[in-house]
Amino acid sequence: MQSNSGTAQGYKIRSLKKQLGELEKTNEQYQITISNLKSINFLETKAEGLNMVQVQARGVDYLAFPSTTVVAAK
């Protein structure tokens, strides 16, 4: 009786290990896909497909705030 139980458990463990290996392989493929989708080349191609244009930053003006000194008292 114990032999059959041990064999069944061994089969279950092998089956789960195989399933884990398959899931790890699938996860790796998803990670590669995510990396490709985040790449700048993919984004540029996608933007061109949507008829978007790149804006050239010229004459950027920054706001200047007067310097102030702050003192805190307890």
C-alpha atoms as a PDB file:
ATOM      1  CA  MET A   1       0.000   0.000   0.000  1.00  0.00           C
ATOM      2  CA  GLN A   2       2.796   2.436   0.928  1.00  0.00           C
ATOM      3  CA  SER A   3       4.630   1.628  -2.291  1.00  0.00           C
ATOM      4  CA  ASN A   4       1.634   2.694  -4.375  1.00  0.00           C
ATOM      5  CA  SER A   5       1.287   5.903  -2.361  1.00  0.00           C
ATOM      6  CA  GLY A   6       4.985   6.709  -2.809  1.00  0.00           C
ATOM      7  CA  THR A   7       4.783   6.038  -6.539  1.00  0.00           C
ATOM      8  CA  ALA A   8       1.730   8.274  -6.875  1.00  0.00           C
ATOM      9  CA  GLN A   9       3.440  11.079  -4.968  1.00  0.00           C
ATOM     10  CA  GLY A  10       6.587  10.717  -7.082  1.00  0.00           C
ATOM     11  CA  TYR A  11       4.501  10.959 -10.239  1.00  0.00           C
ATOM     12  CA  LYS A  12       2.745  14.055  -8.874  1.00  0.00           C
ATOM     13  CA  ILE A  13       6.085  15.705  -8.032  1.00  0.00           C
ATOM     14  CA  ARG A  14       7.487  15.008 -11.518  1.00  0.00           C
ATOM     15  CA  SER A  15       4.315  16.347 -13.075  1.00  0.00           C
ATOM     16  CA  LEU A  16       4.490  19.545 -11.018  1.00  0.00           C
ATOM     17  CA  LYS A  17       8.189  20.032 -11.835  1.00  0.00           C
ATOM     18  CA  LYS A  18       7.410  19.674 -15.524  1.00  0.00           C
ATOM     19  CA  GLN A  19       4.587  22.198 -15.220  1.00  0.00           C
ATOM     20  CA  LEU A  20       6.916  24.586 -13.362  1.00  0.00           C
ATOM     21  CA  GLY A  21       9.484  24.326 -16.154  1.00  0.00           C
ATOM     22  CA  GLU A  22       6.848  25.122 -18.764  1.00  0.00           C
ATOM     23  CA  LEU A  23       5.611  28.115 -16.767  1.00  0.00           C
ATOM     24  CA  GLU A  24       9.160  29.427 -16.345  1.00  0.00           C
ATOM     25  CA  LYS A  25       9.711  29.161 -20.106  1.00  0.00           C
ATOM     26  CA  THR A  26       6.439  31.004 -20.789  1.00  0.00           C
ATOM     27  CA  ASN A  27       7.394  33.691 -18.266  1.00  0.00           C
ATOM     28  CA  GLU A  28      10.755  34.168 -19.984  1.00  0.00           C
ATOM     29  CA  GLN A  29       9.002  34.609 -23.336  1.00  0.00           C
ATOM     30  CA  TYR A  30       6.672  37.207 -21.793  1.00  0.00           C
ATOM     31  CA  GLN A  31       9.643  39.089 -20.325  1.00  0.00           C
ATOM     32  CA  ILE A  32      11.258  39.233 -23.777  1.00  0.00           C
ATOM     33  CA  THR A  33       8.005  40.483 -25.295  1.00  0.00           C
ATOM     34  CA  ILE A  34       7.686  43.173 -22.602  1.00  0.00           C
ATOM     35  CA  SER A  35      11.274  44.276 -23.218  1.00  0.00           C
ATOM     36  CA  ASN A  36      10.651  44.537 -26.957  1.00  0.00           C
ATOM     37  CA  LEU A  37       7.460  46.519 -26.463  1.00  0.00           C
ATOM     38  CA  LYS A  38       9.244  48.993 -24.197  1.00  0.00           C
ATOM     39  CA  SER A  39      12.132  49.536 -26.606  1.00  0.00           C
ATOM     40  CA  ILE A  40      12.526  52.985 -28.116  1.00  0.00           C
ATOM     41  CA  ASN A  41      12.551  51.572 -31.642  1.00  0.00           C
ATOM     42  CA  PHE A  42       9.156  49.970 -31.134  1.00  0.00           C
ATOM     43  CA  LEU A  43       7.752  53.198 -29.700  1.00  0.00           C
ATOM     44  CA  GLU A  44       9.105  55.272 -32.585  1.00  0.00           C
ATOM     45  CA  THR A  45       7.636  52.874 -35.137  1.00  0.00           C
ATOM     46  CA  LYS A  46       4.302  52.900 -33.346  1.00  0.00           C
ATOM     47  CA  ALA A  47       4.306  56.728 -33.219  1.00  0.00           C
ATOM     48  CA  GLU A  48       4.982  56.924 -36.964  1.00  0.00           C
ATOM     49  CA  GLY A  49       2.111  54.534 -37.581  1.00  0.00           C
ATOM     50  CA  LEU A  50      -0.176  56.924 -35.692  1.00  0.00           C
ATOM     51  CA  ASN A  51       1.055  59.863 -37.823  1.00  0.00           C
ATOM     52  CA  MET A  52       2.725  61.487 -34.842  1.00  0.00           C
ATOM     53  CA  VAL A  53       5.656  63.818 -35.362  1.00  0.00           C
ATOM     54  CA  GLN A  54       8.652  64.472 -33.164  1.00  0.00           C
ATOM     55  CA  VAL A  55       8.762  67.941 -31.650  1.00  0.00           C
ATOM     56  CA  GLN A  56      12.069  69.748 -31.863  1.00  0.00           C
ATOM     57  CA  ALA A  57      12.682  71.750 -28.696  1.00  0.00           C
ATOM     58  CA  ARG A  58      13.872  75.228 -29.695  1.00  0.00           C
ATOM     59  CA  GLY A  59      14.073  78.319 -27.608  1.00  0.00           C
ATOM     60  CA  VAL A  60      13.042  76.711 -24.357  1.00  0.00           C
ATOM     61  CA  ASP A  61      12.446  79.350 -21.696  1.00  0.00           C
ATOM     62  CA  TYR A  62      12.742  78.553 -18.016  1.00  0.00           C
ATOM     63  CA  LEU A  63      11.050  80.481 -15.248  1.00  0.00           C
ATOM     64  CA  ALA A  64      13.397  82.118 -12.795  1.00  0.00           C
ATOM     65  CA  PHE A  65      12.202  82.632  -9.247  1.00  0.00           C
ATOM     66  CA  PRO A  66      13.837  85.126  -6.932  1.00  0.00           C
ATOM     67  CA  SER A  67      16.100  83.593  -4.324  1.00  0.00           C
ATOM     68  CA  THR A  68      14.516  83.539  -0.896  1.00  0.00           C
ATOM     69  CA  THR A  69      15.991  82.569   2.403  1.00  0.00           C
ATOM     70  CA  VAL A  70      13.782  80.676   4.778  1.00  0.00           C
ATOM     71  CA  VAL A  71      14.513  80.329   8.453  1.00  0.00           C
ATOM     72  CA  ALA A  72      12.584  78.083  10.777  1.00  0.00           C
ATOM     73  CA  ALA A  73      12.380  78.723  14.521  1.00  0.00           C
ATOM     74  CA  LYS A  74      11.249  76.313  17.158  1.00  0.00           C
END
